[in-house]
N, C-alpha and C. Protein backbone atom coordinates (compact mmCIF):
# COMPACT_ATOMS: atom_id res chain seq x y z
N MET A 1 15.09 6.12 14.50
CA MET A 1 13.95 5.86 14.23
C MET A 1 13.61 4.19 13.96
N LYS A 2 12.83 3.82 14.43
CA LYS A 2 12.29 2.31 14.42
C LYS A 2 12.22 1.98 13.07
N LYS A 3 12.72 0.76 12.50
CA LYS A 3 12.35 0.03 11.55
C LYS A 3 10.92 -0.51 11.63
N ALA A 4 10.03 -0.22 10.16
CA ALA A 4 8.69 -0.80 9.98
C ALA A 4 8.79 -2.17 10.11
N THR A 5 8.03 -2.88 10.50
CA THR A 5 7.95 -4.28 10.39
C THR A 5 6.85 -4.83 9.68
N PHE A 6 6.75 -5.83 8.64
CA PHE A 6 5.39 -5.86 8.12
C PHE A 6 5.20 -7.62 8.03
N ASP A 7 3.99 -7.32 7.79
CA ASP A 7 3.12 -9.25 7.91
C ASP A 7 1.96 -9.18 6.68
N TRP A 8 1.91 -10.62 6.48
CA TRP A 8 0.84 -10.56 5.59
C TRP A 8 0.37 -12.11 5.41
N ASP A 9 -0.46 -12.61 4.79
CA ASP A 9 -1.12 -13.76 4.57
C ASP A 9 -0.15 -14.46 3.25
N GLU A 10 0.55 -15.32 3.54
CA GLU A 10 1.57 -16.04 2.21
C GLU A 10 0.24 -16.32 1.20
N ALA A 11 -0.83 -16.89 1.21
CA ALA A 11 -1.86 -17.38 0.37
C ALA A 11 -2.11 -16.33 -0.27
N LYS A 12 -2.78 -14.90 0.56
CA LYS A 12 -3.15 -13.88 -0.20
C LYS A 12 -2.00 -12.98 -0.94
N ASN A 13 -0.75 -13.04 -0.59
CA ASN A 13 0.39 -12.76 -1.32
C ASN A 13 0.35 -12.99 -2.79
N LYS A 14 0.61 -14.76 -2.72
CA LYS A 14 0.65 -15.31 -4.16
C LYS A 14 -0.83 -15.15 -4.99
N GLU A 15 -1.73 -14.72 -4.48
CA GLU A 15 -3.30 -14.55 -5.25
C GLU A 15 -2.94 -13.10 -5.79
N ASN A 16 -2.37 -12.09 -4.75
CA ASN A 16 -1.79 -10.83 -5.16
C ASN A 16 -1.29 -10.79 -6.50
N GLN A 17 -0.01 -11.47 -6.21
CA GLN A 17 0.79 -11.61 -7.37
C GLN A 17 0.13 -11.81 -8.88
N SER A 18 -0.60 -12.71 -8.46
CA SER A 18 -1.30 -13.48 -9.65
C SER A 18 -2.10 -12.77 -10.23
N LYS A 19 -3.05 -12.04 -9.53
CA LYS A 19 -4.26 -11.43 -9.88
C LYS A 19 -3.51 -9.48 -10.50
N HIS A 20 -2.86 -9.10 -9.53
CA HIS A 20 -2.29 -7.86 -9.69
C HIS A 20 -0.80 -7.83 -10.53
N GLY A 21 0.49 -8.56 -10.29
CA GLY A 21 1.20 -8.71 -10.92
C GLY A 21 2.42 -8.22 -9.82
N VAL A 22 1.93 -8.10 -8.23
CA VAL A 22 2.89 -7.72 -7.19
C VAL A 22 3.07 -8.19 -5.98
N PHE A 23 4.04 -8.56 -5.54
CA PHE A 23 4.32 -9.39 -4.55
C PHE A 23 4.17 -8.40 -3.01
N PHE A 24 3.91 -8.68 -1.88
CA PHE A 24 4.16 -7.95 -1.13
C PHE A 24 5.04 -7.40 -0.61
N THR A 25 6.36 -8.30 -1.01
CA THR A 25 7.65 -7.72 -0.60
C THR A 25 8.11 -6.43 -1.33
N VAL A 26 7.67 -6.29 -2.40
CA VAL A 26 7.69 -4.93 -3.47
C VAL A 26 6.75 -4.26 -2.81
N ALA A 27 5.47 -4.22 -2.64
CA ALA A 27 4.71 -3.19 -1.85
C ALA A 27 5.27 -2.32 -0.67
N GLN A 28 6.44 -3.03 0.05
CA GLN A 28 6.90 -2.38 1.53
C GLN A 28 7.53 -1.23 0.97
N GLN A 29 8.21 -1.09 -0.40
CA GLN A 29 8.83 0.08 -0.63
C GLN A 29 7.99 1.22 -0.90
N ALA A 30 6.82 1.06 -1.41
CA ALA A 30 5.98 2.20 -1.20
C ALA A 30 6.04 3.32 0.26
N PHE A 31 6.45 2.47 1.32
CA PHE A 31 6.47 3.20 2.50
C PHE A 31 7.75 3.90 2.68
N LEU A 32 8.68 3.69 1.55
CA LEU A 32 10.00 4.70 1.83
C LEU A 32 9.81 5.66 0.46
N ASP A 33 8.91 5.75 0.11
CA ASP A 33 8.30 7.08 -0.72
C ASP A 33 8.59 8.33 0.11
N PRO A 34 9.34 8.99 0.19
CA PRO A 34 8.98 10.62 1.20
C PRO A 34 7.91 11.07 0.72
N HIS A 35 7.42 10.91 -0.48
CA HIS A 35 5.99 11.79 -0.84
C HIS A 35 4.71 10.84 -0.80
N ARG A 36 5.11 9.94 -0.10
CA ARG A 36 4.01 8.97 -0.07
C ARG A 36 2.90 9.30 0.57
N VAL A 37 1.40 8.73 0.24
CA VAL A 37 0.28 9.37 0.87
C VAL A 37 -0.35 8.28 1.55
N ILE A 38 -0.62 8.52 2.88
CA ILE A 38 -1.26 7.71 3.37
C ILE A 38 -2.79 8.14 3.86
N ALA A 39 -4.12 7.29 3.05
CA ALA A 39 -5.24 8.07 3.41
C ALA A 39 -6.15 6.25 3.88
N GLU A 40 -7.28 7.12 4.68
CA GLU A 40 -7.91 6.04 5.52
C GLU A 40 -8.75 5.02 4.33
N ASP A 41 -8.97 4.02 4.40
CA ASP A 41 -9.81 3.40 3.61
C ASP A 41 -11.10 3.20 4.10
N ILE A 42 -12.08 4.16 4.36
CA ILE A 42 -13.21 4.16 4.79
C ILE A 42 -14.44 3.11 4.31
N THR A 43 -14.14 2.55 3.16
CA THR A 43 -14.96 1.85 2.54
C THR A 43 -15.09 0.17 3.15
N HIS A 44 -13.56 0.15 3.49
CA HIS A 44 -13.34 -1.63 4.13
C HIS A 44 -12.92 -1.48 5.76
N SER A 45 -13.06 -0.15 6.24
CA SER A 45 -12.65 -0.20 7.62
C SER A 45 -14.10 -0.38 8.37
N THR A 46 -14.12 -1.74 8.29
CA THR A 46 -15.30 -2.18 9.12
C THR A 46 -15.20 -2.52 10.70
N GLU A 47 -14.26 -3.74 10.63
CA GLU A 47 -14.12 -4.71 11.82
C GLU A 47 -12.54 -3.89 12.20
N GLU A 48 -11.95 -3.24 11.24
CA GLU A 48 -10.57 -2.62 11.86
C GLU A 48 -10.34 -1.70 11.22
N ASN A 49 -9.53 -0.52 11.13
CA ASN A 49 -9.31 0.63 10.42
C ASN A 49 -8.07 -0.05 9.50
N ARG A 50 -8.60 0.35 8.25
CA ARG A 50 -7.52 0.38 6.95
C ARG A 50 -7.16 1.08 6.51
N TYR A 51 -5.86 1.33 5.61
CA TYR A 51 -5.60 2.62 4.69
C TYR A 51 -4.79 2.24 3.72
N HIS A 52 -4.66 3.18 2.66
CA HIS A 52 -3.97 2.97 1.61
C HIS A 52 -2.47 4.00 1.73
N CYS A 53 -1.82 3.02 1.59
CA CYS A 53 -0.23 4.00 1.20
C CYS A 53 -0.09 3.99 -0.26
N ILE A 54 0.28 4.85 -0.65
CA ILE A 54 0.57 5.54 -2.06
C ILE A 54 1.45 5.92 -2.29
N GLY A 55 2.51 5.31 -2.88
CA GLY A 55 3.85 5.43 -2.98
C GLY A 55 4.70 5.40 -4.45
N HIS A 56 5.92 5.89 -4.94
CA HIS A 56 6.34 5.48 -6.23
C HIS A 56 7.12 4.38 -6.01
N VAL A 57 6.88 3.47 -6.73
CA VAL A 57 7.96 1.92 -6.54
C VAL A 57 8.21 1.84 -8.15
N ASN A 58 9.61 1.85 -8.33
CA ASN A 58 10.23 1.08 -9.69
C ASN A 58 9.66 2.16 -10.69
N GLU A 59 8.80 1.97 -11.58
CA GLU A 59 8.81 2.72 -12.59
C GLU A 59 6.86 3.73 -12.55
N GLY A 60 6.51 3.28 -11.22
CA GLY A 60 4.67 3.58 -11.15
C GLY A 60 4.36 3.97 -9.97
N VAL A 61 3.25 4.15 -9.24
CA VAL A 61 2.62 4.81 -8.36
C VAL A 61 1.77 3.48 -7.80
N LEU A 62 2.40 3.11 -6.46
CA LEU A 62 1.97 1.71 -6.48
C LEU A 62 0.93 2.28 -5.23
N THR A 63 -0.41 1.45 -4.93
CA THR A 63 -0.82 1.82 -3.71
C THR A 63 -1.11 0.01 -3.06
N VAL A 64 -1.24 0.56 -1.76
CA VAL A 64 -0.70 -0.75 -0.76
C VAL A 64 -1.82 -0.64 0.50
N ARG A 65 -2.50 -1.76 0.36
CA ARG A 65 -3.99 -1.45 1.29
C ARG A 65 -3.60 -2.12 2.52
N PHE A 66 -3.37 -1.38 3.62
CA PHE A 66 -2.87 -2.10 4.85
C PHE A 66 -3.63 -2.12 6.18
N THR A 67 -3.65 -2.37 6.97
CA THR A 67 -3.70 -1.78 8.20
C THR A 67 -2.78 -2.09 9.57
N TYR A 68 -2.85 -1.61 10.41
CA TYR A 68 -1.85 -1.64 11.68
C TYR A 68 -2.29 -2.40 12.93
N ARG A 69 -1.56 -3.70 13.03
CA ARG A 69 -2.05 -4.59 14.16
C ARG A 69 -0.76 -4.24 15.28
N GLY A 70 -0.67 -3.63 15.97
CA GLY A 70 0.17 -3.42 17.17
C GLY A 70 1.26 -2.76 16.43
N ASN A 71 2.50 -2.59 16.25
CA ASN A 71 3.52 -2.11 15.83
C ASN A 71 3.89 -2.82 14.53
N VAL A 72 2.62 -3.54 13.97
CA VAL A 72 3.05 -4.30 12.93
C VAL A 72 2.29 -3.40 11.48
N ILE A 73 2.71 -3.69 10.25
CA ILE A 73 2.06 -3.43 9.21
C ILE A 73 1.57 -4.30 8.40
N ARG A 74 0.16 -4.61 8.51
CA ARG A 74 -0.33 -5.89 7.93
C ARG A 74 -0.55 -5.59 6.35
N ILE A 75 -0.22 -6.19 5.24
CA ILE A 75 -0.55 -5.70 3.91
C ILE A 75 -1.69 -6.93 3.65
N TYR A 76 -2.75 -6.29 2.81
CA TYR A 76 -3.80 -7.12 2.25
C TYR A 76 -4.21 -6.92 0.95
N GLY A 77 -3.29 -6.24 0.21
CA GLY A 77 -3.32 -6.23 -1.23
C GLY A 77 -2.49 -5.02 -1.86
N THR A 78 -2.40 -4.99 -3.04
CA THR A 78 -1.48 -3.65 -3.66
C THR A 78 -1.60 -4.18 -5.05
N GLY A 79 -1.48 -2.92 -5.60
CA GLY A 79 -1.54 -2.88 -7.41
C GLY A 79 -1.05 -1.43 -7.96
N TYR A 80 -0.94 -1.55 -8.87
CA TYR A 80 -0.65 -0.04 -9.81
C TYR A 80 -1.88 0.20 -10.18
N TRP A 81 -2.48 0.99 -9.18
CA TRP A 81 -3.85 1.37 -10.04
C TRP A 81 -3.85 2.74 -10.33
N ARG A 82 -4.98 3.26 -11.20
CA ARG A 82 -5.23 4.59 -11.45
C ARG A 82 -5.47 5.39 -10.45
N LYS A 83 -6.71 4.99 -9.68
CA LYS A 83 -7.17 5.76 -8.79
C LYS A 83 -6.03 6.35 -7.64
N GLY A 84 -5.01 5.38 -7.14
CA GLY A 84 -4.19 5.73 -6.40
C GLY A 84 -3.11 6.40 -7.08
N LYS A 85 -2.72 6.72 -8.33
CA LYS A 85 -1.75 7.39 -9.04
C LYS A 85 -2.31 8.85 -9.08
N LYS A 86 -4.00 8.96 -9.30
CA LYS A 86 -4.37 10.10 -9.34
C LYS A 86 -3.99 11.08 -8.09
N ILE A 87 -4.31 10.19 -7.28
CA ILE A 87 -4.49 10.95 -5.45
C ILE A 87 -2.91 10.98 -5.39
N TYR A 88 -1.91 10.03 -5.81
CA TYR A 88 -0.77 10.58 -5.54
C TYR A 88 -0.41 11.82 -6.37
N GLU A 89 -0.52 12.36 -7.48
CA GLU A 89 -0.18 13.03 -8.28
C GLU A 89 -0.89 14.25 -7.85
N GLU A 90 -2.20 14.54 -7.15
CA GLU A 90 -3.28 15.52 -6.90
C GLU A 90 -2.29 16.10 -5.81
N GLN A 91 -1.92 15.13 -4.67
CA GLN A 91 -1.19 15.15 -3.12
C GLN A 91 0.16 16.00 -3.38
N ASN A 92 1.20 15.66 -4.53
CA ASN A 92 2.37 15.96 -4.58
C ASN A 92 2.31 17.03 -5.60
N LYS A 93 1.30 17.47 -6.49
CA LYS A 93 1.08 18.41 -7.59
C LYS A 93 2.03 18.14 -8.69
N ILE A 94 1.69 17.00 -8.77
CA ILE A 94 2.16 16.49 -10.44
C ILE A 94 1.22 16.50 -11.29
N TYR A 95 1.49 17.15 -12.30
CA TYR A 95 0.43 16.87 -13.85
C TYR A 95 1.06 16.60 -14.89
């Protein structure tokens, strides 16, 4: 199995950390959750297909907004958002 490669804009990473308290290096961990949920981001898929990876990281459920660029996962936002947690719990039957 090939290891995933990640990429991001460093200015966006710093902005995300300031706004949502999460660095993109931490966001990568959501992809390691065997129960993660990958959902298409229909709202923001205008110029390229975008997705959400929702996975358990540390003590919470993290939502990572990303796209694929070739064989690279490009992260453009992440946070511990209620909507992602709800989707994760519904998909994994956690109540």
